[in-house]
Amino acid sequence: MPEMQTSMEAVRLNPLIPAYKEKFIKDIKKEDIKLAVSGIIVSKDNGKIVIDDTTGNIPVEIETELEMNKFVRVFGVLIPYDDGFEVQGHIIQDLSELDIEKYMKVKALLQ
C-alpha cells in the first residue's frame, strides 16, 4: 500500500491538488475552480458576504465576524450559475492593515 503524504509541503507540491489562484473579479471565468479574491466587504447577511474589488463584486458563502468595509481576501471554490458566480469560501483573511492601493497595484503586476 502506498504511504500517505503527511507533510504540508508534500500536499502543496502535489500537482493533482491545484493551488488557489488569485483573481480580479472581472477576470473570473467558469473554468476557474479554486481561487482567491480580495476586496472590501460591502454586504453581509446570514453566512454570506459580498466582496467588491473595484472591478466587480461577488457573493461569498462564509461565516465571519469581520465587519462591513473591511479589506479581506477569501480563498474558496467557484460556483458558476447561469447568471453569474458565487464563491464557497474556505478561508477569510483580514487584510485591513494593508495599504489597499499598493496591494492592488502589486496584484495587477502579478497577473
PDB file of N, CA and C in Angstrom:
ATOM      1  N   MET A   1       0.848  -1.170   0.000  1.00  0.00           N
ATOM      2  CA  MET A   1       0.000   0.000   0.000  1.00  0.00           C
ATOM      3  C   MET A   1       0.899   1.240   0.000  1.00  0.00           C
ATOM      4  N   PRO A   2       0.582   2.286  -0.833  1.00  0.00           N
ATOM      5  CA  PRO A   2       1.409   3.486  -0.864  1.00  0.00           C
ATOM      6  C   PRO A   2       1.328   4.243   0.448  1.00  0.00           C
ATOM      7  N   GLU A   3       2.435   4.898   0.771  1.00  0.00           N
ATOM      8  CA  GLU A   3       2.498   5.670   2.000  1.00  0.00           C
ATOM      9  C   GLU A   3       1.717   6.970   1.835  1.00  0.00           C
ATOM     10  N   MET A   4       0.993   7.363   2.850  1.00  0.00           N
ATOM     11  CA  MET A   4       0.192   8.574   2.800  1.00  0.00           C
ATOM     12  C   MET A   4       1.069   9.801   3.014  1.00  0.00           C
ATOM     13  N   GLN A   5       0.850  10.854   2.215  1.00  0.00           N
ATOM     14  CA  GLN A   5       1.599  12.091   2.389  1.00  0.00           C
ATOM     15  C   GLN A   5       1.078  12.805   3.624  1.00  0.00           C
ATOM     16  N   THR A   6       1.992  13.176   4.506  1.00  0.00           N
ATOM     17  CA  THR A   6       1.549  13.812   5.738  1.00  0.00           C
ATOM     18  C   THR A   6       2.044  15.233   5.908  1.00  0.00           C
ATOM     19  N   SER A   7       3.075  15.623   5.207  1.00  0.00           N
ATOM     20  CA  SER A   7       3.586  16.978   5.400  1.00  0.00           C
ATOM     21  C   SER A   7       2.833  17.959   4.513  1.00  0.00           C
ATOM     22  N   MET A   8       2.714  19.204   4.966  1.00  0.00           N
ATOM     23  CA  MET A   8       2.072  20.250   4.176  1.00  0.00           C
ATOM     24  C   MET A   8       2.851  20.496   2.889  1.00  0.00           C
ATOM     25  N   GLU A   9       4.162  20.381   2.937  1.00  0.00           N
ATOM     26  CA  GLU A   9       4.994  20.571   1.754  1.00  0.00           C
ATOM     27  C   GLU A   9       4.598  19.559   0.677  1.00  0.00           C
ATOM     28  N   ALA A  10       4.406  18.321   1.066  1.00  0.00           N
ATOM     29  CA  ALA A  10       4.039  17.280   0.105  1.00  0.00           C
ATOM     30  C   ALA A  10       2.673  17.568  -0.501  1.00  0.00           C
ATOM     31  N   VAL A  11       1.735  18.036   0.304  1.00  0.00           N
ATOM     32  CA  VAL A  11       0.398  18.327  -0.193  1.00  0.00           C
ATOM     33  C   VAL A  11       0.434  19.514  -1.147  1.00  0.00           C
ATOM     34  N   ARG A  12       1.157  20.561  -0.781  1.00  0.00           N
ATOM     35  CA  ARG A  12       1.207  21.763  -1.601  1.00  0.00           C
ATOM     36  C   ARG A  12       1.850  21.505  -2.954  1.00  0.00           C
ATOM     37  N   LEU A  13       2.818  20.628  -3.005  1.00  0.00           N
ATOM     38  CA  LEU A  13       3.531  20.364  -4.238  1.00  0.00           C
ATOM     39  C   LEU A  13       2.862  19.309  -5.105  1.00  0.00           C
ATOM     40  N   ASN A  14       1.818  18.689  -4.608  1.00  0.00           N
ATOM     41  CA  ASN A  14       1.113  17.666  -5.365  1.00  0.00           C
ATOM     42  C   ASN A  14       0.407  18.321  -6.555  1.00  0.00           C
ATOM     43  N   PRO A  15       0.783  17.963  -7.792  1.00  0.00           N
ATOM     44  CA  PRO A  15       0.191  18.613  -8.964  1.00  0.00           C
ATOM     45  C   PRO A  15      -1.290  18.295  -9.159  1.00  0.00           C
ATOM     46  N   LEU A  16      -1.795  17.288  -8.475  1.00  0.00           N
ATOM     47  CA  LEU A  16      -3.207  16.939  -8.609  1.00  0.00           C
ATOM     48  C   LEU A  16      -4.104  17.832  -7.763  1.00  0.00           C
ATOM     49  N   ILE A  17      -3.503  18.579  -6.841  1.00  0.00           N
ATOM     50  CA  ILE A  17      -4.258  19.475  -5.982  1.00  0.00           C
ATOM     51  C   ILE A  17      -3.925  20.903  -6.400  1.00  0.00           C
ATOM     52  N   PRO A  18      -4.796  21.552  -7.178  1.00  0.00           N
ATOM     53  CA  PRO A  18      -4.471  22.897  -7.655  1.00  0.00           C
ATOM     54  C   PRO A  18      -4.417  23.902  -6.514  1.00  0.00           C
ATOM     55  N   ALA A  19      -3.545  24.881  -6.656  1.00  0.00           N
ATOM     56  CA  ALA A  19      -3.436  25.951  -5.672  1.00  0.00           C
ATOM     57  C   ALA A  19      -4.555  26.964  -5.908  1.00  0.00           C
ATOM     58  N   TYR A  20      -4.833  27.783  -4.902  1.00  0.00           N
ATOM     59  CA  TYR A  20      -5.775  28.882  -5.075  1.00  0.00           C
ATOM     60  C   TYR A  20      -5.127  29.910  -5.995  1.00  0.00           C
ATOM     61  N   LYS A  21      -5.837  30.341  -7.013  1.00  0.00           N
ATOM     62  CA  LYS A  21      -5.309  31.336  -7.951  1.00  0.00           C
ATOM     63  C   LYS A  21      -5.972  32.675  -7.663  1.00  0.00           C
ATOM     64  N   GLU A  22      -5.158  33.672  -7.340  1.00  0.00           N
ATOM     65  CA  GLU A  22      -5.701  34.995  -7.040  1.00  0.00           C
ATOM     66  C   GLU A  22      -6.191  35.662  -8.319  1.00  0.00           C
ATOM     67  N   LYS A  23      -7.415  36.178  -8.273  1.00  0.00           N
ATOM     68  CA  LYS A  23      -8.053  36.754  -9.459  1.00  0.00           C
ATOM     69  C   LYS A  23      -8.713  38.085  -9.108  1.00  0.00           C
ATOM     70  N   PHE A  24      -8.769  38.979 -10.106  1.00  0.00           N
ATOM     71  CA  PHE A  24      -9.669  40.116 -10.019  1.00  0.00           C
ATOM     72  C   PHE A  24     -11.050  39.586 -10.376  1.00  0.00           C
ATOM     73  N   ILE A  25     -12.081  40.140  -9.782  1.00  0.00           N
ATOM     74  CA  ILE A  25     -13.430  39.630 -10.009  1.00  0.00           C
ATOM     75  C   ILE A  25     -13.806  39.688 -11.492  1.00  0.00           C
ATOM     76  N   LYS A  26     -13.409  40.739 -12.190  1.00  0.00           N
ATOM     77  CA  LYS A  26     -13.748  40.864 -13.617  1.00  0.00           C
ATOM     78  C   LYS A  26     -13.109  39.773 -14.467  1.00  0.00           C
ATOM     79  N   ASP A  27     -12.042  39.145 -13.966  1.00  0.00           N
ATOM     80  CA  ASP A  27     -11.315  38.129 -14.732  1.00  0.00           C
ATOM     81  C   ASP A  27     -11.740  36.698 -14.424  1.00  0.00           C
ATOM     82  N   ILE A  28     -12.713  36.519 -13.536  1.00  0.00           N
ATOM     83  CA  ILE A  28     -13.151  35.171 -13.168  1.00  0.00           C
ATOM     84  C   ILE A  28     -13.893  34.535 -14.337  1.00  0.00           C
ATOM     85  N   LYS A  29     -13.531  33.289 -14.613  1.00  0.00           N
ATOM     86  CA  LYS A  29     -14.176  32.519 -15.684  1.00  0.00           C
ATOM     87  C   LYS A  29     -14.736  31.230 -15.090  1.00  0.00           C
ATOM     88  N   LYS A  30     -15.705  30.638 -15.774  1.00  0.00           N
ATOM     89  CA  LYS A  30     -16.340  29.433 -15.235  1.00  0.00           C
ATOM     90  C   LYS A  30     -15.370  28.270 -15.108  1.00  0.00           C
ATOM     91  N   GLU A  31     -14.226  28.323 -15.807  1.00  0.00           N
ATOM     92  CA  GLU A  31     -13.225  27.260 -15.724  1.00  0.00           C
ATOM     93  C   GLU A  31     -12.400  27.343 -14.438  1.00  0.00           C
ATOM     94  N   ASP A  32     -12.434  28.494 -13.775  1.00  0.00           N
ATOM     95  CA  ASP A  32     -11.691  28.641 -12.519  1.00  0.00           C
ATOM     96  C   ASP A  32     -12.330  27.736 -11.470  1.00  0.00           C
ATOM     97  N   ILE A  33     -11.495  27.072 -10.706  1.00  0.00           N
ATOM     98  CA  ILE A  33     -12.013  26.165  -9.685  1.00  0.00           C
ATOM     99  C   ILE A  33     -11.700  26.726  -8.303  1.00  0.00           C
ATOM    100  N   LYS A  34     -10.432  26.652  -7.914  1.00  0.00           N
ATOM    101  CA  LYS A  34     -10.009  27.199  -6.623  1.00  0.00           C
ATOM    102  C   LYS A  34      -9.427  28.582  -6.865  1.00  0.00           C
ATOM    103  N   LEU A  35      -9.954  29.566  -6.149  1.00  0.00           N
ATOM    104  CA  LEU A  35      -9.472  30.913  -6.368  1.00  0.00           C
ATOM    105  C   LEU A  35      -9.455  31.708  -5.076  1.00  0.00           C
ATOM    106  N   ALA A  36      -8.777  32.837  -5.143  1.00  0.00           N
ATOM    107  CA  ALA A  36      -8.744  33.793  -4.042  1.00  0.00           C
ATOM    108  C   ALA A  36      -9.145  35.140  -4.611  1.00  0.00           C
ATOM    109  N   VAL A  37     -10.045  35.827  -3.922  1.00  0.00           N
ATOM    110  CA  VAL A  37     -10.442  37.170  -4.317  1.00  0.00           C
ATOM    111  C   VAL A  37     -10.271  38.086  -3.115  1.00  0.00           C
ATOM    112  N   SER A  38      -9.854  39.310  -3.386  1.00  0.00           N
ATOM    113  CA  SER A  38      -9.673  40.272  -2.308  1.00  0.00           C
ATOM    114  C   SER A  38     -10.462  41.524  -2.619  1.00  0.00           C
ATOM    115  N   GLY A  39     -10.991  42.133  -1.581  1.00  0.00           N
ATOM    116  CA  GLY A  39     -11.764  43.350  -1.752  1.00  0.00           C
ATOM    117  C   GLY A  39     -12.407  43.762  -0.444  1.00  0.00           C
ATOM    118  N   ILE A  40     -13.281  44.726  -0.549  1.00  0.00           N
ATOM    119  CA  ILE A  40     -13.982  45.283   0.606  1.00  0.00           C
ATOM    120  C   ILE A  40     -15.301  44.534   0.805  1.00  0.00           C
ATOM    121  N   ILE A  41     -15.618  44.214   2.055  1.00  0.00           N
ATOM    122  CA  ILE A  41     -16.927  43.625   2.364  1.00  0.00           C
ATOM    123  C   ILE A  41     -17.966  44.740   2.244  1.00  0.00           C
ATOM    124  N   VAL A  42     -18.854  44.631   1.249  1.00  0.00           N
ATOM    125  CA  VAL A  42     -19.864  45.669   1.021  1.00  0.00           C
ATOM    126  C   VAL A  42     -21.260  45.234   1.469  1.00  0.00           C
ATOM    127  N   SER A  43     -21.412  43.949   1.776  1.00  0.00           N
ATOM    128  CA  SER A  43     -22.695  43.436   2.240  1.00  0.00           C
ATOM    129  C   SER A  43     -22.433  42.200   3.092  1.00  0.00           C
ATOM    130  N   LYS A  44     -23.290  42.004   4.087  1.00  0.00           N
ATOM    131  CA  LYS A  44     -23.122  40.856   4.984  1.00  0.00           C
ATOM    132  C   LYS A  44     -24.497  40.459   5.502  1.00  0.00           C
ATOM    133  N   ASP A  45     -24.856  39.152   5.294  1.00  0.00           N
ATOM    134  CA  ASP A  45     -26.170  38.699   5.725  1.00  0.00           C
ATOM    135  C   ASP A  45     -26.229  37.178   5.783  1.00  0.00           C
ATOM    136  N   ASN A  46     -26.544  36.621   6.938  1.00  0.00           N
ATOM    137  CA  ASN A  46     -26.799  35.183   7.114  1.00  0.00           C
ATOM    138  C   ASN A  46     -25.768  34.264   6.464  1.00  0.00           C
ATOM    139  N   GLY A  47     -24.508  34.395   6.831  1.00  0.00           N
ATOM    140  CA  GLY A  47     -23.484  33.494   6.319  1.00  0.00           C
ATOM    141  C   GLY A  47     -23.037  33.784   4.909  1.00  0.00           C
ATOM    142  N   LYS A  48     -23.388  34.950   4.394  1.00  0.00           N
ATOM    143  CA  LYS A  48     -22.972  35.340   3.051  1.00  0.00           C
ATOM    144  C   LYS A  48     -22.496  36.785   3.091  1.00  0.00           C
ATOM    145  N   ILE A  49     -21.358  37.034   2.422  1.00  0.00           N
ATOM    146  CA  ILE A  49     -20.861  38.393   2.273  1.00  0.00           C
ATOM    147  C   ILE A  49     -20.745  38.694   0.784  1.00  0.00           C
ATOM    148  N   VAL A  50     -20.658  39.957   0.452  1.00  0.00           N
ATOM    149  CA  VAL A  50     -20.371  40.373  -0.914  1.00  0.00           C
ATOM    150  C   VAL A  50     -19.086  41.175  -0.863  1.00  0.00           C
ATOM    151  N   ILE A  51     -18.146  40.817  -1.741  1.00  0.00           N
ATOM    152  CA  ILE A  51     -16.849  41.484  -1.811  1.00  0.00           C
ATOM    153  C   ILE A  51     -16.787  42.305  -3.093  1.00  0.00           C
ATOM    154  N   ASP A  52     -16.275  43.534  -2.977  1.00  0.00           N
ATOM    155  CA  ASP A  52     -16.082  44.416  -4.134  1.00  0.00           C
ATOM    156  C   ASP A  52     -14.602  44.746  -4.238  1.00  0.00           C
ATOM    157  N   ASP A  53     -14.018  44.499  -5.428  1.00  0.00           N
ATOM    158  CA  ASP A  53     -12.584  44.777  -5.624  1.00  0.00           C
ATOM    159  C   ASP A  53     -12.350  45.916  -6.613  1.00  0.00           C
ATOM    160  N   THR A  54     -13.335  46.727  -6.878  1.00  0.00           N
ATOM    161  CA  THR A  54     -13.371  47.845  -7.828  1.00  0.00           C
ATOM    162  C   THR A  54     -13.518  47.383  -9.278  1.00  0.00           C
ATOM    163  N   THR A  55     -13.321  46.094  -9.574  1.00  0.00           N
ATOM    164  CA  THR A  55     -13.552  45.589 -10.933  1.00  0.00           C
ATOM    165  C   THR A  55     -14.900  44.884 -11.013  1.00  0.00           C
ATOM    166  N   GLY A  56     -15.516  44.659  -9.870  1.00  0.00           N
ATOM    167  CA  GLY A  56     -16.789  43.961  -9.795  1.00  0.00           C
ATOM    168  C   GLY A  56     -17.038  43.514  -8.370  1.00  0.00           C
ATOM    169  N   ASN A  57     -18.142  42.809  -8.168  1.00  0.00           N
ATOM    170  CA  ASN A  57     -18.394  42.240  -6.843  1.00  0.00           C
ATOM    171  C   ASN A  57     -18.887  40.816  -6.995  1.00  0.00           C
ATOM    172  N   ILE A  58     -18.726  40.061  -5.908  1.00  0.00           N
ATOM    173  CA  ILE A  58     -19.086  38.644  -5.950  1.00  0.00           C
ATOM    174  C   ILE A  58     -19.576  38.210  -4.573  1.00  0.00           C
ATOM    175  N   PRO A  59     -20.662  37.431  -4.530  1.00  0.00           N
ATOM    176  CA  PRO A  59     -21.117  36.884  -3.252  1.00  0.00           C
ATOM    177  C   PRO A  59     -20.230  35.718  -2.814  1.00  0.00           C
ATOM    178  N   VAL A  60     -20.028  35.627  -1.503  1.00  0.00           N
ATOM    179  CA  VAL A  60     -19.197  34.572  -0.925  1.00  0.00           C
ATOM    180  C   VAL A  60     -19.954  33.958   0.241  1.00  0.00           C
ATOM    181  N   GLU A  61     -20.119  32.646   0.204  1.00  0.00           N
ATOM    182  CA  GLU A  61     -20.732  31.932   1.328  1.00  0.00           C
ATOM    183  C   GLU A  61     -19.647  31.626   2.339  1.00  0.00           C
ATOM    184  N   ILE A  62     -19.645  32.360   3.460  1.00  0.00           N
ATOM    185  CA  ILE A  62     -18.661  32.135   4.516  1.00  0.00           C
ATOM    186  C   ILE A  62     -19.143  32.837   5.782  1.00  0.00           C
ATOM    187  N   GLU A  63     -18.950  32.193   6.897  1.00  0.00           N
ATOM    188  CA  GLU A  63     -19.267  32.798   8.190  1.00  0.00           C
ATOM    189  C   GLU A  63     -18.071  33.626   8.634  1.00  0.00           C
ATOM    190  N   THR A  64     -18.320  34.855   9.070  1.00  0.00           N
ATOM    191  CA  THR A  64     -17.239  35.699   9.562  1.00  0.00           C
ATOM    192  C   THR A  64     -17.767  36.705  10.572  1.00  0.00           C
ATOM    193  N   GLU A  65     -16.901  37.070  11.500  1.00  0.00           N
ATOM    194  CA  GLU A  65     -17.228  38.122  12.454  1.00  0.00           C
ATOM    195  C   GLU A  65     -16.654  39.461  12.009  1.00  0.00           C
ATOM    196  N   LEU A  66     -15.944  39.470  10.880  1.00  0.00           N
ATOM    197  CA  LEU A  66     -15.398  40.724  10.360  1.00  0.00           C
ATOM    198  C   LEU A  66     -16.542  41.645   9.958  1.00  0.00           C
ATOM    199  N   GLU A  67     -16.341  42.950  10.177  1.00  0.00           N
ATOM    200  CA  GLU A  67     -17.392  43.921   9.902  1.00  0.00           C
ATOM    201  C   GLU A  67     -17.386  44.360   8.444  1.00  0.00           C
ATOM    202  N   MET A  68     -18.437  45.082   8.099  1.00  0.00           N
ATOM    203  CA  MET A  68     -18.544  45.706   6.781  1.00  0.00           C
ATOM    204  C   MET A  68     -17.374  46.670   6.593  1.00  0.00           C
ATOM    205  N   ASN A  69     -17.019  46.904   5.346  1.00  0.00           N
ATOM    206  CA  ASN A  69     -15.952  47.831   4.948  1.00  0.00           C
ATOM    207  C   ASN A  69     -14.554  47.366   5.320  1.00  0.00           C
ATOM    208  N   LYS A  70     -14.397  46.114   5.734  1.00  0.00           N
ATOM    209  CA  LYS A  70     -13.063  45.546   5.980  1.00  0.00           C
ATOM    210  C   LYS A  70     -12.498  45.051   4.656  1.00  0.00           C
ATOM    211  N   PHE A  71     -11.187  45.229   4.486  1.00  0.00           N
ATOM    212  CA  PHE A  71     -10.484  44.718   3.308  1.00  0.00           C
ATOM    213  C   PHE A  71     -10.066  43.293   3.622  1.00  0.00           C
ATOM    214  N   VAL A  72     -10.512  42.325   2.807  1.00  0.00           N
ATOM    215  CA  VAL A  72     -10.282  40.904   3.082  1.00  0.00           C
ATOM    216  C   VAL A  72      -9.856  40.171   1.818  1.00  0.00           C
ATOM    217  N   ARG A  73      -9.306  38.984   2.034  1.00  0.00           N
ATOM    218  CA  ARG A  73      -9.070  38.048   0.932  1.00  0.00           C
ATOM    219  C   ARG A  73      -9.780  36.764   1.326  1.00  0.00           C
ATOM    220  N   VAL A  74     -10.518  36.198   0.365  1.00  0.00           N
ATOM    221  CA  VAL A  74     -11.245  34.954   0.597  1.00  0.00           C
ATOM    222  C   VAL A  74     -10.698  33.892  -0.345  1.00  0.00           C
ATOM    223  N   PHE A  75     -10.402  32.734   0.212  1.00  0.00           N
ATOM    224  CA  PHE A  75      -9.966  31.571  -0.557  1.00  0.00           C
ATOM    225  C   PHE A  75     -11.148  30.619  -0.615  1.00  0.00           C
ATOM    226  N   GLY A  76     -11.450  30.106  -1.812  1.00  0.00           N
ATOM    227  CA  GLY A  76     -12.586  29.206  -1.913  1.00  0.00           C
ATOM    228  C   GLY A  76     -12.717  28.571  -3.282  1.00  0.00           C
ATOM    229  N   VAL A  77     -13.881  27.961  -3.488  1.00  0.00           N
ATOM    230  CA  VAL A  77     -14.195  27.263  -4.733  1.00  0.00           C
ATOM    231  C   VAL A  77     -15.283  28.046  -5.462  1.00  0.00           C
ATOM    232  N   LEU A  78     -15.097  28.214  -6.766  1.00  0.00           N
ATOM    233  CA  LEU A  78     -16.062  28.949  -7.578  1.00  0.00           C
ATOM    234  C   LEU A  78     -17.281  28.081  -7.862  1.00  0.00           C
ATOM    235  N   ILE A  79     -18.449  28.678  -7.694  1.00  0.00           N
ATOM    236  CA  ILE A  79     -19.707  28.020  -8.041  1.00  0.00           C
ATOM    237  C   ILE A  79     -20.335  28.841  -9.167  1.00  0.00           C
ATOM    238  N   PRO A  80     -20.290  28.327 -10.417  1.00  0.00           N
ATOM    239  CA  PRO A  80     -20.875  29.080 -11.538  1.00  0.00           C
ATOM    240  C   PRO A  80     -22.388  28.865 -11.619  1.00  0.00           C
ATOM    241  N   TYR A  81     -23.096  29.935 -11.959  1.00  0.00           N
ATOM    242  CA  TYR A  81     -24.537  29.888 -12.203  1.00  0.00           C
ATOM    243  C   TYR A  81     -24.792  30.421 -13.606  1.00  0.00           C
ATOM    244  N   ASP A  82     -26.010  30.280 -14.095  1.00  0.00           N
ATOM    245  CA  ASP A  82     -26.355  30.801 -15.421  1.00  0.00           C
ATOM    246  C   ASP A  82     -26.147  32.312 -15.513  1.00  0.00           C
ATOM    247  N   ASP A  83     -26.402  33.003 -14.406  1.00  0.00           N
ATOM    248  CA  ASP A  83     -26.346  34.466 -14.430  1.00  0.00           C
ATOM    249  C   ASP A  83     -25.180  35.053 -13.631  1.00  0.00           C
ATOM    250  N   GLY A  84     -24.160  34.260 -13.332  1.00  0.00           N
ATOM    251  CA  GLY A  84     -23.015  34.793 -12.590  1.00  0.00           C
ATOM    252  C   GLY A  84     -22.292  33.725 -11.797  1.00  0.00           C
ATOM    253  N   PHE A  85     -21.607  34.180 -10.746  1.00  0.00           N
ATOM    254  CA  PHE A  85     -20.790  33.288  -9.938  1.00  0.00           C
ATOM    255  C   PHE A  85     -21.019  33.546  -8.458  1.00  0.00           C
ATOM    256  N   GLU A  86     -20.587  32.581  -7.673  1.00  0.00           N
ATOM    257  CA  GLU A  86     -20.542  32.701  -6.224  1.00  0.00           C
ATOM    258  C   GLU A  86     -19.307  31.935  -5.776  1.00  0.00           C
ATOM    259  N   VAL A  87     -18.759  32.294  -4.635  1.00  0.00           N
ATOM    260  CA  VAL A  87     -17.620  31.568  -4.086  1.00  0.00           C
ATOM    261  C   VAL A  87     -18.066  30.861  -2.817  1.00  0.00           C
ATOM    262  N   GLN A  88     -17.753  29.571  -2.720  1.00  0.00           N
ATOM    263  CA  GLN A  88     -17.928  28.844  -1.464  1.00  0.00           C
ATOM    264  C   GLN A  88     -16.630  29.050  -0.706  1.00  0.00           C
ATOM    265  N   GLY A  89     -16.645  29.941   0.266  1.00  0.00           N
ATOM    266  CA  GLY A  89     -15.429  30.326   0.969  1.00  0.00           C
ATOM    267  C   GLY A  89     -14.907  29.243   1.899  1.00  0.00           C
ATOM    268  N   HIS A  90     -13.594  29.052   1.880  1.00  0.00           N
ATOM    269  CA  HIS A  90     -12.919  28.135   2.794  1.00  0.00           C
ATOM    270  C   HIS A  90     -12.230  28.898   3.918  1.00  0.00           C
ATOM    271  N   ILE A  91     -11.549  29.989   3.544  1.00  0.00           N
ATOM    272  CA  ILE A  91     -10.759  30.778   4.493  1.00  0.00           C
ATOM    273  C   ILE A  91     -11.002  32.249   4.194  1.00  0.00           C
ATOM    274  N   ILE A  92     -11.113  33.059   5.241  1.00  0.00           N
ATOM    275  CA  ILE A  92     -11.170  34.508   5.059  1.00  0.00           C
ATOM    276  C   ILE A  92     -10.012  35.120   5.832  1.00  0.00           C
ATOM    277  N   GLN A  93      -9.319  36.052   5.195  1.00  0.00           N
ATOM    278  CA  GLN A  93      -8.125  36.668   5.769  1.00  0.00           C
ATOM    279  C   GLN A  93      -8.364  38.177   5.857  1.00  0.00           C
ATOM    280  N   ASP A  94      -8.169  38.741   7.043  1.00  0.00           N
ATOM    281  CA  ASP A  94      -8.321  40.175   7.255  1.00  0.00           C
ATOM    282  C   ASP A  94      -7.076  40.886   6.738  1.00  0.00           C
ATOM    283  N   LEU A  95      -7.234  41.709   5.712  1.00  0.00           N
ATOM    284  CA  LEU A  95      -6.118  42.463   5.138  1.00  0.00           C
ATOM    285  C   LEU A  95      -6.248  43.953   5.438  1.00  0.00           C
ATOM    286  N   SER A  96      -7.064  44.314   6.414  1.00  0.00           N
ATOM    287  CA  SER A  96      -7.356  45.724   6.663  1.00  0.00           C
ATOM    288  C   SER A  96      -6.146  46.533   7.123  1.00  0.00           C
ATOM    289  N   GLU A  97      -5.080  45.875   7.536  1.00  0.00           N
ATOM    290  CA  GLU A  97      -3.863  46.587   7.937  1.00  0.00           C
ATOM    291  C   GLU A  97      -2.993  46.956   6.735  1.00  0.00           C
ATOM    292  N   LEU A  98      -3.310  46.417   5.560  1.00  0.00           N
ATOM    293  CA  LEU A  98      -2.514  46.690   4.362  1.00  0.00           C
ATOM    294  C   LEU A  98      -2.972  47.972   3.676  1.00  0.00           C
ATOM    295  N   ASP A  99      -2.076  48.560   2.897  1.00  0.00           N
ATOM    296  CA  ASP A  99      -2.409  49.690   2.036  1.00  0.00           C
ATOM    297  C   ASP A  99      -3.106  49.108   0.804  1.00  0.00           C
ATOM    298  N   ILE A 100      -4.405  49.330   0.690  1.00  0.00           N
ATOM    299  CA  ILE A 100      -5.203  48.709  -0.374  1.00  0.00           C
ATOM    300  C   ILE A 100      -4.688  49.091  -1.759  1.00  0.00           C
ATOM    301  N   GLU A 101      -4.382  50.358  -1.951  1.00  0.00           N
ATOM    302  CA  GLU A 101      -3.936  50.825  -3.266  1.00  0.00           C
ATOM    303  C   GLU A 101      -2.649  50.122  -3.690  1.00  0.00           C
ATOM    304  N   LYS A 102      -1.686  50.021  -2.788  1.00  0.00           N
ATOM    305  CA  LYS A 102      -0.420  49.343  -3.112  1.00  0.00           C
ATOM    306  C   LYS A 102      -0.651  47.851  -3.346  1.00  0.00           C
ATOM    307  N   TYR A 103      -1.498  47.244  -2.526  1.00  0.00           N
ATOM    308  CA  TYR A 103      -1.802  45.820  -2.673  1.00  0.00           C
ATOM    309  C   TYR A 103      -2.378  45.535  -4.059  1.00  0.00           C
ATOM    310  N   MET A 104      -3.337  46.357  -4.491  1.00  0.00           N
ATOM    311  CA  MET A 104      -3.975  46.146  -5.790  1.00  0.00           C
ATOM    312  C   MET A 104      -2.994  46.383  -6.941  1.00  0.00           C
ATOM    313  N   LYS A 105      -2.076  47.352  -6.788  1.00  0.00           N
ATOM    314  CA  LYS A 105      -1.069  47.588  -7.827  1.00  0.00           C
ATOM    315  C   LYS A 105      -0.164  46.373  -7.984  1.00  0.00           C
ATOM    316  N   VAL A 106       0.296  45.820  -6.860  1.00  0.00           N
ATOM    317  CA  VAL A 106       1.156  44.632  -6.908  1.00  0.00           C
ATOM    318  C   VAL A 106       0.387  43.456  -7.494  1.00  0.00           C
ATOM    319  N   LYS A 107      -0.856  43.283  -7.083  1.00  0.00           N
ATOM    320  CA  LYS A 107      -1.688  42.193  -7.606  1.00  0.00           C
ATOM    321  C   LYS A 107      -1.836  42.316  -9.124  1.00  0.00           C
ATOM    322  N   ALA A 108      -2.052  43.530  -9.618  1.00  0.00           N
ATOM    323  CA  ALA A 108      -2.190  43.748 -11.063  1.00  0.00           C
ATOM    324  C   ALA A 108      -0.897  43.407 -11.793  1.00  0.00           C
ATOM    325  N   LEU A 109       0.241  43.736 -11.211  1.00  0.00           N
ATOM    326  CA  LEU A 109       1.530  43.426 -11.835  1.00  0.00           C
ATOM    327  C   LEU A 109       1.781  41.924 -11.910  1.00  0.00           C
ATOM    328  N   LEU A 110       1.258  41.184 -10.947  1.00  0.00           N
ATOM    329  CA  LEU A 110       1.485  39.739 -10.890  1.00  0.00           C
ATOM    330  C   LEU A 110       0.522  38.941 -11.770  1.00  0.00           C
ATOM    331  N   GLN A 111      -0.489  39.588 -12.318  1.00  0.00           N
ATOM    332  CA  GLN A 111      -1.483  38.881 -13.142  1.00  0.00           C
ATOM    333  C   GLN A 111      -0.914  38.450 -14.461  1.00  0.00           C
TER     334      GLN A 111
END
